[in-house]
Amino acid sequence: MAMYLTRFSYTPETWARMIENPEDRREAARNYIESVGGKLHGFWYAFGEHDGWNLWEAPDNVSMAAVTLAIGAGGALSSIETTVLLDVEDTIQALNRAKSIRYRPPGA
């Protein structure tokens, strides 16, 4: 299964609801990813550009996209970005395959 890193930010209205009724959102996140056969590996809040970070495992890109789309459509977030993570072995494999690609810079 592939690994994914999601960065998200809540809307001000969501933060106001969370202040009124504090809630641990890890269980909700776990349920979302498990519904497509995946696993939640971590859930963190942060200072900075994004309010939180999730580390997920999903069977494929379509499954992860479905989870991200469902969460994004819920209206609680002002932004959500998901990055596909490559393990070292996949990166080495990509580096080896890159040798056979004859790249030509623009205008060259």
PDB file of N, CA and C in Angstrom:
ATOM      1  N   MET A   1       0.843  -1.190   0.000  1.00  0.00           N
ATOM      2  CA  MET A   1       0.000   0.000   0.000  1.00  0.00           C
ATOM      3  C   MET A   1       0.881   1.244   0.000  1.00  0.00           C
ATOM      4  N   ALA A   2       0.360   2.292  -0.580  1.00  0.00           N
ATOM      5  CA  ALA A   2       1.092   3.555  -0.674  1.00  0.00           C
ATOM      6  C   ALA A   2       0.860   4.413   0.577  1.00  0.00           C
ATOM      7  N   MET A   3       1.840   5.282   0.839  1.00  0.00           N
ATOM      8  CA  MET A   3       1.755   6.204   1.977  1.00  0.00           C
ATOM      9  C   MET A   3       1.452   7.606   1.449  1.00  0.00           C
ATOM     10  N   TYR A   4       0.719   8.378   2.239  1.00  0.00           N
ATOM     11  CA  TYR A   4       0.297   9.723   1.854  1.00  0.00           C
ATOM     12  C   TYR A   4       0.429  10.663   3.044  1.00  0.00           C
ATOM     13  N   LEU A   5       0.853  11.876   2.773  1.00  0.00           N
ATOM     14  CA  LEU A   5       0.932  12.926   3.780  1.00  0.00           C
ATOM     15  C   LEU A   5      -0.078  13.996   3.403  1.00  0.00           C
ATOM     16  N   THR A   6      -1.003  14.281   4.303  1.00  0.00           N
ATOM     17  CA  THR A   6      -2.009  15.308   4.053  1.00  0.00           C
ATOM     18  C   THR A   6      -1.803  16.467   5.014  1.00  0.00           C
ATOM     19  N   ARG A   7      -1.825  17.672   4.446  1.00  0.00           N
ATOM     20  CA  ARG A   7      -1.766  18.909   5.230  1.00  0.00           C
ATOM     21  C   ARG A   7      -3.122  19.582   5.076  1.00  0.00           C
ATOM     22  N   PHE A   8      -3.669  20.061   6.188  1.00  0.00           N
ATOM     23  CA  PHE A   8      -4.998  20.669   6.112  1.00  0.00           C
ATOM     24  C   PHE A   8      -5.082  21.877   7.035  1.00  0.00           C
ATOM     25  N   SER A   9      -6.054  22.723   6.738  1.00  0.00           N
ATOM     26  CA  SER A   9      -6.363  23.860   7.599  1.00  0.00           C
ATOM     27  C   SER A   9      -7.869  23.938   7.775  1.00  0.00           C
ATOM     28  N   TYR A  10      -8.289  24.215   8.993  1.00  0.00           N
ATOM     29  CA  TYR A  10      -9.708  24.382   9.296  1.00  0.00           C
ATOM     30  C   TYR A  10     -10.165  25.792   8.947  1.00  0.00           C
ATOM     31  N   THR A  11     -11.464  25.944   8.705  1.00  0.00           N
ATOM     32  CA  THR A  11     -12.042  27.277   8.546  1.00  0.00           C
ATOM     33  C   THR A  11     -12.156  27.916   9.934  1.00  0.00           C
ATOM     34  N   PRO A  12     -12.279  29.245  10.002  1.00  0.00           N
ATOM     35  CA  PRO A  12     -12.503  29.882  11.312  1.00  0.00           C
ATOM     36  C   PRO A  12     -13.761  29.354  12.000  1.00  0.00           C
ATOM     37  N   GLU A  13     -14.787  29.047  11.229  1.00  0.00           N
ATOM     38  CA  GLU A  13     -16.030  28.509  11.811  1.00  0.00           C
ATOM     39  C   GLU A  13     -15.799  27.140  12.454  1.00  0.00           C
ATOM     40  N   THR A  14     -14.965  26.323  11.821  1.00  0.00           N
ATOM     41  CA  THR A  14     -14.653  25.004  12.395  1.00  0.00           C
ATOM     42  C   THR A  14     -13.906  25.171  13.707  1.00  0.00           C
ATOM     43  N   TRP A  15     -12.915  26.094  13.739  1.00  0.00           N
ATOM     44  CA  TRP A  15     -12.192  26.330  14.991  1.00  0.00           C
ATOM     45  C   TRP A  15     -13.143  26.813  16.077  1.00  0.00           C
ATOM     46  N   ALA A  16     -14.099  27.669  15.734  1.00  0.00           N
ATOM     47  CA  ALA A  16     -15.066  28.155  16.723  1.00  0.00           C
ATOM     48  C   ALA A  16     -15.892  26.997  17.279  1.00  0.00           C
ATOM     49  N   ARG A  17     -16.322  26.076  16.406  1.00  0.00           N
ATOM     50  CA  ARG A  17     -17.079  24.898  16.877  1.00  0.00           C
ATOM     51  C   ARG A  17     -16.218  24.007  17.756  1.00  0.00           C
ATOM     52  N   MET A  18     -14.938  23.849  17.387  1.00  0.00           N
ATOM     53  CA  MET A  18     -14.028  23.013  18.179  1.00  0.00           C
ATOM     54  C   MET A  18     -13.762  23.645  19.553  1.00  0.00           C
ATOM     55  N   ILE A  19     -13.686  24.960  19.621  1.00  0.00           N
ATOM     56  CA  ILE A  19     -13.500  25.635  20.912  1.00  0.00           C
ATOM     57  C   ILE A  19     -14.719  25.406  21.795  1.00  0.00           C
ATOM     58  N   GLU A  20     -15.907  25.513  21.210  1.00  0.00           N
ATOM     59  CA  GLU A  20     -17.144  25.290  21.971  1.00  0.00           C
ATOM     60  C   GLU A  20     -17.297  23.840  22.410  1.00  0.00           C
ATOM     61  N   ASN A  21     -16.861  22.923  21.547  1.00  0.00           N
ATOM     62  CA  ASN A  21     -17.027  21.501  21.817  1.00  0.00           C
ATOM     63  C   ASN A  21     -15.754  20.772  21.378  1.00  0.00           C
ATOM     64  N   PRO A  22     -14.684  20.811  22.208  1.00  0.00           N
ATOM     65  CA  PRO A  22     -13.430  20.156  21.820  1.00  0.00           C
ATOM     66  C   PRO A  22     -13.652  18.674  21.473  1.00  0.00           C
ATOM     67  N   GLU A  23     -13.002  18.243  20.396  1.00  0.00           N
ATOM     68  CA  GLU A  23     -13.208  16.890  19.903  1.00  0.00           C
ATOM     69  C   GLU A  23     -11.894  16.329  19.372  1.00  0.00           C
ATOM     70  N   ASP A  24     -11.611  15.088  19.682  1.00  0.00           N
ATOM     71  CA  ASP A  24     -10.461  14.376  19.140  1.00  0.00           C
ATOM     72  C   ASP A  24     -10.863  13.825  17.776  1.00  0.00           C
ATOM     73  N   ARG A  25     -10.297  14.372  16.708  1.00  0.00           N
ATOM     74  CA  ARG A  25     -10.683  14.007  15.347  1.00  0.00           C
ATOM     75  C   ARG A  25      -9.945  12.786  14.808  1.00  0.00           C
ATOM     76  N   ARG A  26      -9.061  12.190  15.611  1.00  0.00           N
ATOM     77  CA  ARG A  26      -8.322  11.014  15.124  1.00  0.00           C
ATOM     78  C   ARG A  26      -9.245   9.861  14.777  1.00  0.00           C
ATOM     79  N   GLU A  27     -10.258   9.624  15.585  1.00  0.00           N
ATOM     80  CA  GLU A  27     -11.155   8.492  15.324  1.00  0.00           C
ATOM     81  C   GLU A  27     -11.937   8.707  14.035  1.00  0.00           C
ATOM     82  N   ALA A  28     -12.377   9.932  13.785  1.00  0.00           N
ATOM     83  CA  ALA A  28     -13.079  10.229  12.534  1.00  0.00           C
ATOM     84  C   ALA A  28     -12.146   9.978  11.351  1.00  0.00           C
ATOM     85  N   ALA A  29     -10.909  10.479  11.436  1.00  0.00           N
ATOM     86  CA  ALA A  29      -9.936  10.282  10.356  1.00  0.00           C
ATOM     87  C   ALA A  29      -9.672   8.794  10.139  1.00  0.00           C
ATOM     88  N   ARG A  30      -9.545   8.048  11.225  1.00  0.00           N
ATOM     89  CA  ARG A  30      -9.311   6.594  11.135  1.00  0.00           C
ATOM     90  C   ARG A  30     -10.474   5.921  10.406  1.00  0.00           C
ATOM     91  N   ASN A  31     -11.695   6.304  10.749  1.00  0.00           N
ATOM     92  CA  ASN A  31     -12.870   5.711  10.092  1.00  0.00           C
ATOM     93  C   ASN A  31     -12.894   6.013   8.603  1.00  0.00           C
ATOM     94  N   TYR A  32     -12.527   7.240   8.219  1.00  0.00           N
ATOM     95  CA  TYR A  32     -12.543   7.606   6.794  1.00  0.00           C
ATOM     96  C   TYR A  32     -11.594   6.715   6.001  1.00  0.00           C
ATOM     97  N   ILE A  33     -10.361   6.578   6.463  1.00  0.00           N
ATOM     98  CA  ILE A  33      -9.368   5.829   5.691  1.00  0.00           C
ATOM     99  C   ILE A  33      -9.639   4.322   5.750  1.00  0.00           C
ATOM    100  N   GLU A  34     -10.118   3.836   6.888  1.00  0.00           N
ATOM    101  CA  GLU A  34     -10.439   2.407   6.983  1.00  0.00           C
ATOM    102  C   GLU A  34     -11.597   2.025   6.075  1.00  0.00           C
ATOM    103  N   SER A  35     -12.474   2.989   5.755  1.00  0.00           N
ATOM    104  CA  SER A  35     -13.615   2.692   4.880  1.00  0.00           C
ATOM    105  C   SER A  35     -13.177   2.346   3.461  1.00  0.00           C
ATOM    106  N   VAL A  36     -11.929   2.700   3.094  1.00  0.00           N
ATOM    107  CA  VAL A  36     -11.399   2.345   1.768  1.00  0.00           C
ATOM    108  C   VAL A  36     -10.283   1.309   1.874  1.00  0.00           C
ATOM    109  N   GLY A  37     -10.148   0.679   3.036  1.00  0.00           N
ATOM    110  CA  GLY A  37      -9.150  -0.364   3.220  1.00  0.00           C
ATOM    111  C   GLY A  37      -7.774   0.143   3.609  1.00  0.00           C
ATOM    112  N   GLY A  38      -7.696   1.385   4.108  1.00  0.00           N
ATOM    113  CA  GLY A  38      -6.409   1.961   4.489  1.00  0.00           C
ATOM    114  C   GLY A  38      -6.199   2.014   5.985  1.00  0.00           C
ATOM    115  N   LYS A  39      -5.170   2.771   6.387  1.00  0.00           N
ATOM    116  CA  LYS A  39      -4.809   2.871   7.802  1.00  0.00           C
ATOM    117  C   LYS A  39      -4.298   4.271   8.110  1.00  0.00           C
ATOM    118  N   LEU A  40      -4.683   4.796   9.252  1.00  0.00           N
ATOM    119  CA  LEU A  40      -4.170   6.078   9.735  1.00  0.00           C
ATOM    120  C   LEU A  40      -2.927   5.799  10.566  1.00  0.00           C
ATOM    121  N   HIS A  41      -1.802   6.398  10.195  1.00  0.00           N
ATOM    122  CA  HIS A  41      -0.555   6.210  10.937  1.00  0.00           C
ATOM    123  C   HIS A  41      -0.252   7.356  11.884  1.00  0.00           C
ATOM    124  N   GLY A  42      -0.862   8.505  11.668  1.00  0.00           N
ATOM    125  CA  GLY A  42      -0.598   9.627  12.557  1.00  0.00           C
ATOM    126  C   GLY A  42      -1.496  10.808  12.254  1.00  0.00           C
ATOM    127  N   PHE A  43      -1.745  11.606  13.292  1.00  0.00           N
ATOM    128  CA  PHE A  43      -2.595  12.797  13.183  1.00  0.00           C
ATOM    129  C   PHE A  43      -2.005  13.829  14.124  1.00  0.00           C
ATOM    130  N   TRP A  44      -1.584  14.966  13.586  1.00  0.00           N
ATOM    131  CA  TRP A  44      -0.956  16.001  14.396  1.00  0.00           C
ATOM    132  C   TRP A  44      -1.543  17.356  14.073  1.00  0.00           C
ATOM    133  N   TYR A  45      -1.582  18.237  15.070  1.00  0.00           N
ATOM    134  CA  TYR A  45      -1.879  19.650  14.846  1.00  0.00           C
ATOM    135  C   TYR A  45      -0.555  20.396  14.873  1.00  0.00           C
ATOM    136  N   ALA A  46      -0.526  21.581  14.240  1.00  0.00           N
ATOM    137  CA  ALA A  46       0.741  22.286  14.095  1.00  0.00           C
ATOM    138  C   ALA A  46       0.527  23.792  14.075  1.00  0.00           C
ATOM    139  N   PHE A  47       1.581  24.517  14.352  1.00  0.00           N
ATOM    140  CA  PHE A  47       1.617  25.956  14.127  1.00  0.00           C
ATOM    141  C   PHE A  47       2.138  26.157  12.716  1.00  0.00           C
ATOM    142  N   GLY A  48       1.743  27.234  12.063  1.00  0.00           N
ATOM    143  CA  GLY A  48       2.314  27.527  10.755  1.00  0.00           C
ATOM    144  C   GLY A  48       1.282  27.583   9.655  1.00  0.00           C
ATOM    145  N   GLU A  49       1.744  27.280   8.458  1.00  0.00           N
ATOM    146  CA  GLU A  49       0.914  27.405   7.263  1.00  0.00           C
ATOM    147  C   GLU A  49      -0.299  26.480   7.287  1.00  0.00           C
ATOM    148  N   HIS A  50      -0.161  25.311   7.907  1.00  0.00           N
ATOM    149  CA  HIS A  50      -1.244  24.330   7.982  1.00  0.00           C
ATOM    150  C   HIS A  50      -1.601  24.070   9.442  1.00  0.00           C
ATOM    151  N   ASP A  51      -2.875  23.791   9.676  1.00  0.00           N
ATOM    152  CA  ASP A  51      -3.342  23.517  11.040  1.00  0.00           C
ATOM    153  C   ASP A  51      -3.045  22.090  11.477  1.00  0.00           C
ATOM    154  N   GLY A  52      -2.963  21.177  10.518  1.00  0.00           N
ATOM    155  CA  GLY A  52      -2.741  19.790  10.893  1.00  0.00           C
ATOM    156  C   GLY A  52      -2.134  18.970   9.779  1.00  0.00           C
ATOM    157  N   TRP A  53      -1.660  17.787  10.176  1.00  0.00           N
ATOM    158  CA  TRP A  53      -0.974  16.846   9.278  1.00  0.00           C
ATOM    159  C   TRP A  53      -1.476  15.445   9.588  1.00  0.00           C
ATOM    160  N   ASN A  54      -1.700  14.654   8.539  1.00  0.00           N
ATOM    161  CA  ASN A  54      -2.073  13.251   8.703  1.00  0.00           C
ATOM    162  C   ASN A  54      -1.113  12.403   7.890  1.00  0.00           C
ATOM    163  N   LEU A  55      -0.780  11.241   8.408  1.00  0.00           N
ATOM    164  CA  LEU A  55      -0.006  10.253   7.665  1.00  0.00           C
ATOM    165  C   LEU A  55      -0.906   9.045   7.488  1.00  0.00           C
ATOM    166  N   TRP A  56      -1.185   8.718   6.238  1.00  0.00           N
ATOM    167  CA  TRP A  56      -2.121   7.655   5.898  1.00  0.00           C
ATOM    168  C   TRP A  56      -1.446   6.587   5.053  1.00  0.00           C
ATOM    169  N   GLU A  57      -2.064   5.421   5.048  1.00  0.00           N
ATOM    170  CA  GLU A  57      -1.711   4.357   4.118  1.00  0.00           C
ATOM    171  C   GLU A  57      -3.002   3.980   3.408  1.00  0.00           C
ATOM    172  N   ALA A  58      -2.949   3.880   2.081  1.00  0.00           N
ATOM    173  CA  ALA A  58      -4.154   3.532   1.314  1.00  0.00           C
ATOM    174  C   ALA A  58      -3.782   2.546   0.218  1.00  0.00           C
ATOM    175  N   PRO A  59      -4.763   1.755  -0.223  1.00  0.00           N
ATOM    176  CA  PRO A  59      -4.485   0.747  -1.243  1.00  0.00           C
ATOM    177  C   PRO A  59      -4.010   1.334  -2.575  1.00  0.00           C
ATOM    178  N   ASP A  60      -4.467   2.544  -2.917  1.00  0.00           N
ATOM    179  CA  ASP A  60      -4.112   3.138  -4.206  1.00  0.00           C
ATOM    180  C   ASP A  60      -4.505   4.615  -4.207  1.00  0.00           C
ATOM    181  N   ASN A  61      -4.104   5.312  -5.270  1.00  0.00           N
ATOM    182  CA  ASN A  61      -4.377   6.746  -5.375  1.00  0.00           C
ATOM    183  C   ASN A  61      -5.866   7.060  -5.437  1.00  0.00           C
ATOM    184  N   VAL A  62      -6.644   6.207  -6.107  1.00  0.00           N
ATOM    185  CA  VAL A  62      -8.081   6.448  -6.216  1.00  0.00           C
ATOM    186  C   VAL A  62      -8.740   6.388  -4.839  1.00  0.00           C
ATOM    187  N   SER A  63      -8.347   5.422  -4.018  1.00  0.00           N
ATOM    188  CA  SER A  63      -8.903   5.310  -2.661  1.00  0.00           C
ATOM    189  C   SER A  63      -8.560   6.540  -1.836  1.00  0.00           C
ATOM    190  N   MET A  64      -7.300   6.985  -1.915  1.00  0.00           N
ATOM    191  CA  MET A  64      -6.895   8.170  -1.149  1.00  0.00           C
ATOM    192  C   MET A  64      -7.596   9.414  -1.669  1.00  0.00           C
ATOM    193  N   ALA A  65      -7.744   9.519  -2.986  1.00  0.00           N
ATOM    194  CA  ALA A  65      -8.455  10.651  -3.566  1.00  0.00           C
ATOM    195  C   ALA A  65      -9.901  10.686  -3.087  1.00  0.00           C
ATOM    196  N   ALA A  66     -10.541   9.519  -2.982  1.00  0.00           N
ATOM    197  CA  ALA A  66     -11.925   9.460  -2.509  1.00  0.00           C
ATOM    198  C   ALA A  66     -12.034   9.991  -1.083  1.00  0.00           C
ATOM    199  N   VAL A  67     -11.103   9.607  -0.226  1.00  0.00           N
ATOM    200  CA  VAL A  67     -11.115  10.088   1.160  1.00  0.00           C
ATOM    201  C   VAL A  67     -10.903  11.600   1.189  1.00  0.00           C
ATOM    202  N   THR A  68      -9.915  12.076   0.444  1.00  0.00           N
ATOM    203  CA  THR A  68      -9.612  13.506   0.415  1.00  0.00           C
ATOM    204  C   THR A  68     -10.784  14.306  -0.130  1.00  0.00           C
ATOM    205  N   LEU A  69     -11.402  13.819  -1.184  1.00  0.00           N
ATOM    206  CA  LEU A  69     -12.559  14.509  -1.759  1.00  0.00           C
ATOM    207  C   LEU A  69     -13.724  14.565  -0.771  1.00  0.00           C
ATOM    208  N   ALA A  70     -13.993  13.458  -0.099  1.00  0.00           N
ATOM    209  CA  ALA A  70     -15.090  13.421   0.873  1.00  0.00           C
ATOM    210  C   ALA A  70     -14.841  14.400   2.016  1.00  0.00           C
ATOM    211  N   ILE A  71     -13.612  14.410   2.534  1.00  0.00           N
ATOM    212  CA  ILE A  71     -13.287  15.323   3.631  1.00  0.00           C
ATOM    213  C   ILE A  71     -13.363  16.771   3.145  1.00  0.00           C
ATOM    214  N   GLY A  72     -12.776  17.049   1.987  1.00  0.00           N
ATOM    215  CA  GLY A  72     -12.793  18.405   1.455  1.00  0.00           C
ATOM    216  C   GLY A  72     -14.190  18.922   1.168  1.00  0.00           C
ATOM    217  N   ALA A  73     -15.072  18.044   0.723  1.00  0.00           N
ATOM    218  CA  ALA A  73     -16.445  18.439   0.405  1.00  0.00           C
ATOM    219  C   ALA A  73     -17.281  18.694   1.654  1.00  0.00           C
ATOM    220  N   GLY A  74     -16.775  18.289   2.813  1.00  0.00           N
ATOM    221  CA  GLY A  74     -17.533  18.446   4.052  1.00  0.00           C
ATOM    222  C   GLY A  74     -17.650  19.878   4.546  1.00  0.00           C
ATOM    223  N   GLY A  75     -16.803  20.780   4.035  1.00  0.00           N
ATOM    224  CA  GLY A  75     -16.916  22.187   4.375  1.00  0.00           C
ATOM    225  C   GLY A  75     -16.184  22.642   5.625  1.00  0.00           C
ATOM    226  N   ALA A  76     -15.547  21.745   6.365  1.00  0.00           N
ATOM    227  CA  ALA A  76     -14.863  22.123   7.605  1.00  0.00           C
ATOM    228  C   ALA A  76     -13.449  22.644   7.369  1.00  0.00           C
ATOM    229  N   LEU A  77     -12.926  22.417   6.157  1.00  0.00           N
ATOM    230  CA  LEU A  77     -11.542  22.790   5.877  1.00  0.00           C
ATOM    231  C   LEU A  77     -11.473  23.980   4.929  1.00  0.00           C
ATOM    232  N   SER A  78     -10.458  24.811   5.139  1.00  0.00           N
ATOM    233  CA  SER A  78     -10.201  25.892   4.185  1.00  0.00           C
ATOM    234  C   SER A  78      -9.191  25.438   3.139  1.00  0.00           C
ATOM    235  N   SER A  79      -8.398  24.405   3.448  1.00  0.00           N
ATOM    236  CA  SER A  79      -7.467  23.835   2.476  1.00  0.00           C
ATOM    237  C   SER A  79      -7.125  22.406   2.861  1.00  0.00           C
ATOM    238  N   ILE A  80      -6.802  21.629   1.837  1.00  0.00           N
ATOM    239  CA  ILE A  80      -6.330  20.258   2.045  1.00  0.00           C
ATOM    240  C   ILE A  80      -5.402  19.916   0.880  1.00  0.00           C
ATOM    241  N   GLU A  81      -4.226  19.402   1.206  1.00  0.00           N
ATOM    242  CA  GLU A  81      -3.227  19.018   0.207  1.00  0.00           C
ATOM    243  C   GLU A  81      -2.708  17.634   0.579  1.00  0.00           C
ATOM    244  N   THR A  82      -2.637  16.760  -0.399  1.00  0.00           N
ATOM    245  CA  THR A  82      -2.142  15.408  -0.151  1.00  0.00           C
ATOM    246  C   THR A  82      -0.951  15.119  -1.062  1.00  0.00           C
ATOM    247  N   THR A  83       0.102  14.571  -0.476  1.00  0.00           N
ATOM    248  CA  THR A  83       1.316  14.217  -1.202  1.00  0.00           C
ATOM    249  C   THR A  83       1.511  12.711  -1.141  1.00  0.00           C
ATOM    250  N   VAL A  84       1.735  12.097  -2.304  1.00  0.00           N
ATOM    251  CA  VAL A  84       2.079  10.675  -2.349  1.00  0.00           C
ATOM    252  C   VAL A  84       3.534  10.551  -1.902  1.00  0.00           C
ATOM    253  N   LEU A  85       3.800   9.684  -0.945  1.00  0.00           N
ATOM    254  CA  LEU A  85       5.158   9.475  -0.449  1.00  0.00           C
ATOM    255  C   LEU A  85       5.761   8.232  -1.097  1.00  0.00           C
ATOM    256  N   LEU A  86       7.009   8.336  -1.501  1.00  0.00           N
ATOM    257  CA  LEU A  86       7.730   7.194  -2.069  1.00  0.00           C
ATOM    258  C   LEU A  86       8.718   6.669  -1.040  1.00  0.00           C
ATOM    259  N   ASP A  87       8.768   5.353  -0.875  1.00  0.00           N
ATOM    260  CA  ASP A  87       9.786   4.804   0.018  1.00  0.00           C
ATOM    261  C   ASP A  87      11.130   4.811  -0.713  1.00  0.00           C
ATOM    262  N   VAL A  88      12.190   4.508   0.000  1.00  0.00           N
ATOM    263  CA  VAL A  88      13.535   4.566  -0.570  1.00  0.00           C
ATOM    264  C   VAL A  88      13.669   3.605  -1.748  1.00  0.00           C
ATOM    265  N   GLU A  89      13.109   2.413  -1.614  1.00  0.00           N
ATOM    266  CA  GLU A  89      13.219   1.418  -2.689  1.00  0.00           C
ATOM    267  C   GLU A  89      12.554   1.916  -3.974  1.00  0.00           C
ATOM    268  N   ASP A  90      11.362   2.512  -3.864  1.00  0.00           N
ATOM    269  CA  ASP A  90      10.690   3.045  -5.049  1.00  0.00           C
ATOM    270  C   ASP A  90      11.484   4.194  -5.658  1.00  0.00           C
ATOM    271  N   THR A  91      12.104   5.009  -4.815  1.00  0.00           N
ATOM    272  CA  THR A  91      12.904   6.127  -5.318  1.00  0.00           C
ATOM    273  C   THR A  91      14.127   5.622  -6.071  1.00  0.00           C
ATOM    274  N   ILE A  92      14.784   4.600  -5.537  1.00  0.00           N
ATOM    275  CA  ILE A  92      15.944   4.002  -6.219  1.00  0.00           C
ATOM    276  C   ILE A  92      15.508   3.434  -7.571  1.00  0.00           C
ATOM    277  N   GLN A  93      14.365   2.765  -7.580  1.00  0.00           N
ATOM    278  CA  GLN A  93      13.840   2.208  -8.822  1.00  0.00           C
ATOM    279  C   GLN A  93      13.569   3.327  -9.837  1.00  0.00           C
ATOM    280  N   ALA A  94      12.991   4.439  -9.375  1.00  0.00           N
ATOM    281  CA  ALA A  94      12.731   5.577 -10.262  1.00  0.00           C
ATOM    282  C   ALA A  94      14.032   6.180 -10.777  1.00  0.00           C
ATOM    283  N   LEU A  95      15.033   6.276  -9.907  1.00  0.00           N
ATOM    284  CA  LEU A  95      16.335   6.804 -10.333  1.00  0.00           C
ATOM    285  C   LEU A  95      16.943   5.924 -11.416  1.00  0.00           C
ATOM    286  N   ASN A  96      16.852   4.619 -11.259  1.00  0.00           N
ATOM    287  CA  ASN A  96      17.383   3.696 -12.267  1.00  0.00           C
ATOM    288  C   ASN A  96      16.629   3.820 -13.585  1.00  0.00           C
ATOM    289  N   ARG A  97      15.316   3.974 -13.525  1.00  0.00           N
ATOM    290  CA  ARG A  97      14.530   4.131 -14.754  1.00  0.00           C
ATOM    291  C   ARG A  97      14.817   5.468 -15.432  1.00  0.00           C
ATOM    292  N   ALA A  98      15.119   6.493 -14.635  1.00  0.00           N
ATOM    293  CA  ALA A  98      15.393   7.823 -15.186  1.00  0.00           C
ATOM    294  C   ALA A  98      16.602   7.811 -16.121  1.00  0.00           C
ATOM    295  N   LYS A  99      17.516   6.867 -15.902  1.00  0.00           N
ATOM    296  CA  LYS A  99      18.704   6.774 -16.759  1.00  0.00           C
ATOM    297  C   LYS A  99      18.337   6.575 -18.228  1.00  0.00           C
ATOM    298  N   SER A 100      17.234   5.891 -18.490  1.00  0.00           N
ATOM    299  CA  SER A 100      16.860   5.558 -19.865  1.00  0.00           C
ATOM    300  C   SER A 100      16.024   6.652 -20.534  1.00  0.00           C
ATOM    301  N   ILE A 101      15.673   7.682 -19.824  1.00  0.00           N
ATOM    302  CA  ILE A 101      14.852   8.756 -20.399  1.00  0.00           C
ATOM    303  C   ILE A 101      15.773   9.826 -20.970  1.00  0.00           C
ATOM    304  N   ARG A 102      15.611  10.107 -22.238  1.00  0.00           N
ATOM    305  CA  ARG A 102      16.440  11.104 -22.908  1.00  0.00           C
ATOM    306  C   ARG A 102      15.735  12.454 -22.845  1.00  0.00           C
ATOM    307  N   TYR A 103      16.009  13.204 -21.768  1.00  0.00           N
ATOM    308  CA  TYR A 103      15.406  14.520 -21.576  1.00  0.00           C
ATOM    309  C   TYR A 103      16.146  15.550 -22.430  1.00  0.00           C
ATOM    310  N   ARG A 104      15.378  16.458 -23.057  1.00  0.00           N
ATOM    311  CA  ARG A 104      15.930  17.563 -23.812  1.00  0.00           C
ATOM    312  C   ARG A 104      15.379  18.853 -23.234  1.00  0.00           C
ATOM    313  N   PRO A 105      16.233  19.749 -22.707  1.00  0.00           N
ATOM    314  CA  PRO A 105      15.751  21.026 -22.163  1.00  0.00           C
ATOM    315  C   PRO A 105      15.070  21.863 -23.257  1.00  0.00           C
ATOM    316  N   PRO A 106      14.111  22.699 -22.871  1.00  0.00           N
ATOM    317  CA  PRO A 106      13.470  23.569 -23.858  1.00  0.00           C
ATOM    318  C   PRO A 106      14.492  24.415 -24.601  1.00  0.00           C
ATOM    319  N   GLY A 107      14.339  24.509 -25.907  1.00  0.00           N
ATOM    320  CA  GLY A 107      15.222  25.330 -26.723  1.00  0.00           C
ATOM    321  C   GLY A 107      16.569  24.716 -27.041  1.00  0.00           C
ATOM    322  N   ALA A 108      16.837  23.513 -26.558  1.00  0.00           N
ATOM    323  CA  ALA A 108      18.146  22.901 -26.797  1.00  0.00           C
ATOM    324  C   ALA A 108      18.129  22.057 -28.050  1.00  0.00           C
TER     325      ALA A 108
END
